PDB file of N, CA and C in Angstrom:
ATOM      1  N   MET A   1       0.998  -1.156   0.035  1.00  0.00           N
ATOM      2  CA  MET A   1      -0.222   0.089   0.081  1.00  0.00           C
ATOM      3  C   MET A   1       1.265   1.294  -0.063  1.00  0.00           C
ATOM      4  N   ILE A   2       0.186   2.607  -1.258  1.00  0.00           N
ATOM      5  CA  ILE A   2       1.858   3.404  -1.006  1.00  0.00           C
ATOM      6  C   ILE A   2       0.500   4.723  -0.048  1.00  0.00           C
ATOM      7  N   ARG A   3       1.447   5.154   0.770  1.00  0.00           N
ATOM      8  CA  ARG A   3       0.444   6.482   0.932  1.00  0.00           C
ATOM      9  C   ARG A   3       0.866   7.526   0.437  1.00  0.00           C
ATOM     10  N   HIS A   4       0.141   8.263   0.157  1.00  0.00           N
ATOM     11  CA  HIS A   4       0.203   9.802   0.117  1.00  0.00           C
ATOM     12  C   HIS A   4      -0.100  10.750   0.866  1.00  0.00           C
ATOM     13  N   ARG A   5       0.562  11.405   1.297  1.00  0.00           N
ATOM     14  CA  ARG A   5       0.871  12.509   2.097  1.00  0.00           C
ATOM     15  C   ARG A   5       0.230  13.858   0.940  1.00  0.00           C
ATOM     16  N   LEU A   6      -0.862  14.221   2.074  1.00  0.00           N
ATOM     17  CA  LEU A   6      -1.572  15.924   1.464  1.00  0.00           C
ATOM     18  C   LEU A   6      -0.840  16.773   2.161  1.00  0.00           C
ATOM     19  N   ASN A   7      -0.710  17.829   1.509  1.00  0.00           N
ATOM     20  CA  ASN A   7       0.026  19.280   2.198  1.00  0.00           C
ATOM     21  C   ASN A   7      -1.244  19.887   2.650  1.00  0.00           C
ATOM     22  N   LEU A   8      -0.834  21.169   2.707  1.00  0.00           N
ATOM     23  CA  LEU A   8      -2.601  22.065   3.102  1.00  0.00           C
ATOM     24  C   LEU A   8      -3.066  22.303   1.593  1.00  0.00           C
ATOM     25  N   GLU A   9      -3.167  22.454   0.815  1.00  0.00           N
ATOM     26  CA  GLU A   9      -3.254  23.126  -0.500  1.00  0.00           C
ATOM     27  C   GLU A   9      -4.125  21.911  -0.873  1.00  0.00           C
ATOM     28  N   GLU A  10      -3.711  20.575  -0.733  1.00  0.00           N
ATOM     29  CA  GLU A  10      -3.900  19.529  -1.795  1.00  0.00           C
ATOM     30  C   GLU A  10      -5.740  18.993  -0.933  1.00  0.00           C
ATOM     31  N   PHE A  11      -4.987  19.064   0.403  1.00  0.00           N
ATOM     32  CA  PHE A  11      -6.656  19.394   1.819  1.00  0.00           C
ATOM     33  C   PHE A  11      -7.466  19.963   1.338  1.00  0.00           C
ATOM     34  N   GLN A  12      -7.149  20.997   1.396  1.00  0.00           N
ATOM     35  CA  GLN A  12      -7.989  22.017   0.852  1.00  0.00           C
ATOM     36  C   GLN A  12      -8.961  21.842  -0.448  1.00  0.00           C
ATOM     37  N   ALA A  13      -7.962  21.895  -1.386  1.00  0.00           N
ATOM     38  CA  ALA A  13      -9.270  21.262  -2.258  1.00  0.00           C
ATOM     39  C   ALA A  13      -9.879  20.202  -2.248  1.00  0.00           C
ATOM     40  N   LEU A  14      -8.871  19.482  -1.588  1.00  0.00           N
ATOM     41  CA  LEU A  14     -10.479  17.930  -1.336  1.00  0.00           C
ATOM     42  C   LEU A  14     -11.115  18.370  -0.392  1.00  0.00           C
ATOM     43  N   LEU A  15     -11.282  18.801   0.433  1.00  0.00           N
ATOM     44  CA  LEU A  15     -12.640  19.643   1.066  1.00  0.00           C
ATOM     45  C   LEU A  15     -13.431  20.448   0.293  1.00  0.00           C
ATOM     46  N   GLU A  16     -13.444  20.839  -0.490  1.00  0.00           N
ATOM     47  CA  GLU A  16     -14.114  21.937  -1.579  1.00  0.00           C
ATOM     48  C   GLU A  16     -14.794  20.719  -2.208  1.00  0.00           C
ATOM     49  N   LYS A  17     -14.490  19.758  -2.503  1.00  0.00           N
ATOM     50  CA  LYS A  17     -15.167  18.607  -3.460  1.00  0.00           C
ATOM     51  C   LYS A  17     -15.803  17.396  -2.846  1.00  0.00           C
ATOM     52  N   ALA A  18     -15.905  17.533  -1.547  1.00  0.00           N
ATOM     53  CA  ALA A  18     -16.829  16.531  -0.702  1.00  0.00           C
ATOM     54  C   ALA A  18     -17.653  16.817  -0.456  1.00  0.00           C
ATOM     55  N   PRO A  19     -18.312  16.019  -0.460  1.00  0.00           N
ATOM     56  CA  PRO A  19     -19.942  16.163  -0.545  1.00  0.00           C
ATOM     57  C   PRO A  19     -20.464  16.434   0.771  1.00  0.00           C
ATOM     58  N   GLU A  20     -21.583  17.523   1.109  1.00  0.00           N
ATOM     59  CA  GLU A  20     -22.166  18.297   2.258  1.00  0.00           C
ATOM     60  C   GLU A  20     -21.778  17.424   3.331  1.00  0.00           C
ATOM     61  N   GLY A  21     -21.479  17.782   4.809  1.00  0.00           N
ATOM     62  CA  GLY A  21     -21.047  17.437   5.812  1.00  0.00           C
ATOM     63  C   GLY A  21     -20.396  16.249   6.041  1.00  0.00           C
ATOM     64  N   VAL A  22     -19.686  15.892   5.247  1.00  0.00           N
ATOM     65  CA  VAL A  22     -18.741  15.006   5.422  1.00  0.00           C
ATOM     66  C   VAL A  22     -17.355  15.778   6.081  1.00  0.00           C
ATOM     67  N   ARG A  23     -17.156  15.113   7.190  1.00  0.00           N
ATOM     68  CA  ARG A  23     -16.119  16.076   8.064  1.00  0.00           C
ATOM     69  C   ARG A  23     -14.840  15.337   8.195  1.00  0.00           C
ATOM     70  N   LEU A  24     -13.635  16.191   7.695  1.00  0.00           N
ATOM     71  CA  LEU A  24     -12.469  15.761   7.366  1.00  0.00           C
ATOM     72  C   LEU A  24     -11.586  16.311   8.012  1.00  0.00           C
ATOM     73  N   GLU A  25     -10.415  15.055   8.812  1.00  0.00           N
ATOM     74  CA  GLU A  25      -9.399  16.115   9.270  1.00  0.00           C
ATOM     75  C   GLU A  25      -7.414  15.507   9.032  1.00  0.00           C
ATOM     76  N   LEU A  26      -6.904  17.011   8.792  1.00  0.00           N
ATOM     77  CA  LEU A  26      -5.667  15.974   7.997  1.00  0.00           C
ATOM     78  C   LEU A  26      -4.927  16.532   9.433  1.00  0.00           C
ATOM     79  N   LEU A  27      -4.380  14.992   9.713  1.00  0.00           N
ATOM     80  CA  LEU A  27      -3.437  14.945  10.597  1.00  0.00           C
ATOM     81  C   LEU A  27      -2.064  14.229   9.765  1.00  0.00           C
ATOM     82  N   GLU A  28      -1.000  15.168  10.391  1.00  0.00           N
ATOM     83  CA  GLU A  28       0.427  14.604   9.625  1.00  0.00           C
ATOM     84  C   GLU A  28       0.669  14.313   8.694  1.00  0.00           C
ATOM     85  N   GLY A  29      -0.549  14.794   7.440  1.00  0.00           N
ATOM     86  CA  GLY A  29      -0.491  14.775   6.198  1.00  0.00           C
ATOM     87  C   GLY A  29      -1.474  13.522   5.978  1.00  0.00           C
ATOM     88  N   GLU A  30      -1.580  13.184   6.262  1.00  0.00           N
ATOM     89  CA  GLU A  30      -3.071  12.130   6.535  1.00  0.00           C
ATOM     90  C   GLU A  30      -4.938  12.750   6.768  1.00  0.00           C
ATOM     91  N   VAL A  31      -5.573  11.774   5.970  1.00  0.00           N
ATOM     92  CA  VAL A  31      -6.917  12.916   5.926  1.00  0.00           C
ATOM     93  C   VAL A  31      -7.410  11.024   6.543  1.00  0.00           C
ATOM     94  N   TYR A  32      -8.349  11.915   7.671  1.00  0.00           N
ATOM     95  CA  TYR A  32      -9.224  11.034   8.359  1.00  0.00           C
ATOM     96  C   TYR A  32     -10.748  11.424   8.342  1.00  0.00           C
ATOM     97  N   GLU A  33     -11.627  10.537   8.390  1.00  0.00           N
ATOM     98  CA  GLU A  33     -12.940  11.038   8.077  1.00  0.00           C
ATOM     99  C   GLU A  33     -13.657  10.915   9.322  1.00  0.00           C
ATOM    100  N   MET A  34     -13.987  12.135  10.388  1.00  0.00           N
ATOM    101  CA  MET A  34     -14.010  12.515  11.585  1.00  0.00           C
ATOM    102  C   MET A  34     -15.641  11.814  11.434  1.00  0.00           C
ATOM    103  N   ALA A  35     -16.492  11.311  12.793  1.00  0.00           N
ATOM    104  CA  ALA A  35     -17.762  11.175  12.790  1.00  0.00           C
ATOM    105  C   ALA A  35     -18.495  11.785  12.931  1.00  0.00           C
ATOM    106  N   PRO A  36     -19.668  12.053  12.445  1.00  0.00           N
ATOM    107  CA  PRO A  36     -20.901  12.957  12.847  1.00  0.00           C
ATOM    108  C   PRO A  36     -20.860  13.865  14.198  1.00  0.00           C
ATOM    109  N   ILE A  37     -21.215  15.304  14.785  1.00  0.00           N
ATOM    110  CA  ILE A  37     -21.554  15.305  15.743  1.00  0.00           C
ATOM    111  C   ILE A  37     -22.869  14.781  16.008  1.00  0.00           C
ATOM    112  N   GLY A  38     -22.827  14.460  17.627  1.00  0.00           N
ATOM    113  CA  GLY A  38     -23.829  13.796  17.730  1.00  0.00           C
ATOM    114  C   GLY A  38     -24.623  14.516  19.085  1.00  0.00           C
ATOM    115  N   SER A  39     -25.397  14.625  19.479  1.00  0.00           N
ATOM    116  CA  SER A  39     -26.869  15.636  20.001  1.00  0.00           C
ATOM    117  C   SER A  39     -26.741  15.972  21.328  1.00  0.00           C
ATOM    118  N   GLU A  40     -25.261  15.026  21.824  1.00  0.00           N
ATOM    119  CA  GLU A  40     -24.558  15.785  23.749  1.00  0.00           C
ATOM    120  C   GLU A  40     -23.594  16.670  23.222  1.00  0.00           C
ATOM    121  N   HIS A  41     -22.921  16.109  21.879  1.00  0.00           N
ATOM    122  CA  HIS A  41     -21.498  16.760  21.708  1.00  0.00           C
ATOM    123  C   HIS A  41     -22.137  18.485  21.622  1.00  0.00           C
ATOM    124  N   ALA A  42     -22.444  18.404  20.512  1.00  0.00           N
ATOM    125  CA  ALA A  42     -23.141  19.482  20.371  1.00  0.00           C
ATOM    126  C   ALA A  42     -23.807  20.259  21.245  1.00  0.00           C
ATOM    127  N   GLY A  43     -24.770  19.608  22.114  1.00  0.00           N
ATOM    128  CA  GLY A  43     -25.571  20.299  23.275  1.00  0.00           C
ATOM    129  C   GLY A  43     -23.866  20.409  24.338  1.00  0.00           C
ATOM    130  N   LEU A  44     -23.195  19.750  24.422  1.00  0.00           N
ATOM    131  CA  LEU A  44     -22.497  20.477  25.589  1.00  0.00           C
ATOM    132  C   LEU A  44     -21.210  21.661  24.355  1.00  0.00           C
ATOM    133  N   VAL A  45     -21.294  21.608  23.725  1.00  0.00           N
ATOM    134  CA  VAL A  45     -20.470  22.558  23.324  1.00  0.00           C
ATOM    135  C   VAL A  45     -21.056  23.735  23.130  1.00  0.00           C
ATOM    136  N   THR A  46     -22.210  23.947  23.194  1.00  0.00           N
ATOM    137  CA  THR A  46     -23.565  24.999  22.967  1.00  0.00           C
ATOM    138  C   THR A  46     -23.084  25.290  24.528  1.00  0.00           C
ATOM    139  N   TYR A  47     -23.127  24.650  25.323  1.00  0.00           N
ATOM    140  CA  TYR A  47     -23.272  25.219  27.150  1.00  0.00           C
ATOM    141  C   TYR A  47     -21.821  25.912  27.197  1.00  0.00           C
ATOM    142  N   LEU A  48     -20.728  25.093  26.990  1.00  0.00           N
ATOM    143  CA  LEU A  48     -19.355  25.689  27.122  1.00  0.00           C
ATOM    144  C   LEU A  48     -18.985  27.282  26.451  1.00  0.00           C
ATOM    145  N   ALA A  49     -19.997  26.888  25.441  1.00  0.00           N
ATOM    146  CA  ALA A  49     -19.799  28.152  24.492  1.00  0.00           C
ATOM    147  C   ALA A  49     -20.199  29.354  25.362  1.00  0.00           C
ATOM    148  N   LYS A  50     -21.558  29.015  25.999  1.00  0.00           N
ATOM    149  CA  LYS A  50     -22.351  30.061  26.436  1.00  0.00           C
ATOM    150  C   LYS A  50     -21.828  30.544  27.613  1.00  0.00           C
ATOM    151  N   SER A  51     -21.331  29.324  28.824  1.00  0.00           N
ATOM    152  CA  SER A  51     -20.929  29.519  29.600  1.00  0.00           C
ATOM    153  C   SER A  51     -19.571  31.188  29.644  1.00  0.00           C
ATOM    154  N   LEU A  52     -18.589  30.455  29.191  1.00  0.00           N
ATOM    155  CA  LEU A  52     -17.396  31.425  28.331  1.00  0.00           C
ATOM    156  C   LEU A  52     -18.076  32.619  28.156  1.00  0.00           C
ATOM    157  N   GLU A  53     -18.834  32.600  27.353  1.00  0.00           N
ATOM    158  CA  GLU A  53     -19.349  33.980  26.715  1.00  0.00           C
ATOM    159  C   GLU A  53     -19.860  35.101  28.058  1.00  0.00           C
ATOM    160  N   THR A  54     -20.188  34.209  28.953  1.00  0.00           N
ATOM    161  CA  THR A  54     -20.760  34.500  30.116  1.00  0.00           C
ATOM    162  C   THR A  54     -20.195  35.236  31.000  1.00  0.00           C
ATOM    163  N   GLY A  55     -19.481  34.271  31.306  1.00  0.00           N
ATOM    164  CA  GLY A  55     -18.469  34.162  32.661  1.00  0.00           C
ATOM    165  C   GLY A  55     -17.263  34.543  32.433  1.00  0.00           C
ATOM    166  N   LEU A  56     -16.476  33.369  32.031  1.00  0.00           N
ATOM    167  CA  LEU A  56     -14.985  34.242  31.681  1.00  0.00           C
ATOM    168  C   LEU A  56     -14.821  35.278  30.591  1.00  0.00           C
ATOM    169  N   TYR A  57     -15.511  34.893  29.344  1.00  0.00           N
ATOM    170  CA  TYR A  57     -15.142  35.803  28.201  1.00  0.00           C
ATOM    171  C   TYR A  57     -15.256  37.581  28.744  1.00  0.00           C
ATOM    172  N   PRO A  58     -15.856  38.493  29.192  1.00  0.00           N
ATOM    173  CA  PRO A  58     -15.540  39.504  29.979  1.00  0.00           C
ATOM    174  C   PRO A  58     -14.873  39.698  30.805  1.00  0.00           C
ATOM    175  N   LYS A  59     -14.316  38.940  31.057  1.00  0.00           N
ATOM    176  CA  LYS A  59     -13.161  39.132  32.760  1.00  0.00           C
ATOM    177  C   LYS A  59     -12.047  38.845  31.552  1.00  0.00           C
ATOM    178  N   LEU A  60     -11.767  38.420  30.463  1.00  0.00           N
ATOM    179  CA  LEU A  60     -10.368  38.772  29.425  1.00  0.00           C
ATOM    180  C   LEU A  60     -10.922  39.188  28.567  1.00  0.00           C
ATOM    181  N   LEU A  61     -11.590  40.395  28.275  1.00  0.00           N
ATOM    182  CA  LEU A  61     -11.458  41.850  27.725  1.00  0.00           C
ATOM    183  C   LEU A  61     -10.608  42.624  28.207  1.00  0.00           C
ATOM    184  N   PRO A  62      -9.960  43.629  27.561  1.00  0.00           N
ATOM    185  CA  PRO A  62      -9.392  44.579  27.960  1.00  0.00           C
ATOM    186  C   PRO A  62      -9.685  45.552  27.948  1.00  0.00           C
ATOM    187  N   ARG A  63      -9.668  46.351  29.333  1.00  0.00           N
ATOM    188  CA  ARG A  63     -10.574  47.441  30.277  1.00  0.00           C
ATOM    189  C   ARG A  63      -9.962  48.471  29.782  1.00  0.00           C
ATOM    190  N   PRO A  64     -10.840  49.744  29.745  1.00  0.00           N
ATOM    191  CA  PRO A  64      -9.971  50.691  28.278  1.00  0.00           C
ATOM    192  C   PRO A  64      -8.803  50.995  30.067  1.00  0.00           C
ATOM    193  N   PRO A  65      -8.269  51.774  29.718  1.00  0.00           N
ATOM    194  CA  PRO A  65      -7.126  52.728  30.519  1.00  0.00           C
ATOM    195  C   PRO A  65      -8.165  53.873  31.088  1.00  0.00           C
ATOM    196  N   LEU A  66      -7.587  53.977  32.298  1.00  0.00           N
ATOM    197  CA  LEU A  66      -7.962  54.776  33.648  1.00  0.00           C
ATOM    198  C   LEU A  66      -7.496  56.433  32.808  1.00  0.00           C
ATOM    199  N   ALA A  67      -8.054  57.403  32.664  1.00  0.00           N
ATOM    200  CA  ALA A  67      -7.639  58.542  32.058  1.00  0.00           C
ATOM    201  C   ALA A  67      -7.656  59.768  33.091  1.00  0.00           C
ATOM    202  N   CYS A  68      -6.580  59.989  34.015  1.00  0.00           N
ATOM    203  CA  CYS A  68      -7.308  61.051  34.977  1.00  0.00           C
ATOM    204  C   CYS A  68      -5.785  62.274  34.728  1.00  0.00           C
ATOM    205  N   PHE A  69      -6.970  63.288  34.463  1.00  0.00           N
ATOM    206  CA  PHE A  69      -6.121  64.487  33.788  1.00  0.00           C
ATOM    207  C   PHE A  69      -6.328  65.283  34.958  1.00  0.00           C
ATOM    208  N   LYS A  70      -5.402  66.553  34.985  1.00  0.00           N
ATOM    209  CA  LYS A  70      -5.438  67.908  35.841  1.00  0.00           C
ATOM    210  C   LYS A  70      -5.417  68.706  34.537  1.00  0.00           C
ATOM    211  N   SER A  71      -6.464  69.998  34.580  1.00  0.00           N
ATOM    212  CA  SER A  71      -6.128  70.495  33.444  1.00  0.00           C
ATOM    213  C   SER A  71      -5.255  71.440  33.360  1.00  0.00           C
ATOM    214  N   SER A  72      -4.035  71.451  34.452  1.00  0.00           N
ATOM    215  CA  SER A  72      -2.944  72.127  34.155  1.00  0.00           C
ATOM    216  C   SER A  72      -1.491  70.826  33.999  1.00  0.00           C
ATOM    217  N   TRP A  73      -2.230  69.941  32.948  1.00  0.00           N
ATOM    218  CA  TRP A  73      -1.580  68.663  32.886  1.00  0.00           C
ATOM    219  C   TRP A  73      -1.348  68.527  31.332  1.00  0.00           C
ATOM    220  N   VAL A  74      -2.832  68.973  30.880  1.00  0.00           N
ATOM    221  CA  VAL A  74      -3.362  69.695  29.090  1.00  0.00           C
ATOM    222  C   VAL A  74      -2.758  70.166  28.778  1.00  0.00           C
ATOM    223  N   THR A  75      -1.596  70.158  27.661  1.00  0.00           N
ATOM    224  CA  THR A  75      -1.385  72.128  27.171  1.00  0.00           C
ATOM    225  C   THR A  75      -1.905  71.780  25.727  1.00  0.00           C
ATOM    226  N   SER A  76      -1.773  72.870  24.989  1.00  0.00           N
ATOM    227  CA  SER A  76      -2.678  73.499  23.606  1.00  0.00           C
ATOM    228  C   SER A  76      -1.665  73.831  22.748  1.00  0.00           C
TER     229      SER A  76
END
């Protein structure tokens, strides 16, 4: 059996020709067909995304710098 390792460009071309709903993954040049996402998996992903969005994500956003100016500091 001869194996041909794909590069990223070849893999992207393959993805464009793949039937709708087929999930492929490129690992170390080899293409693997992934199992479809089940309802339990999809529910967990949604739950985690919402948890991160409402809980952790706002804490990661950069806060605007506090600016305290005295009128004498500002030169025009």
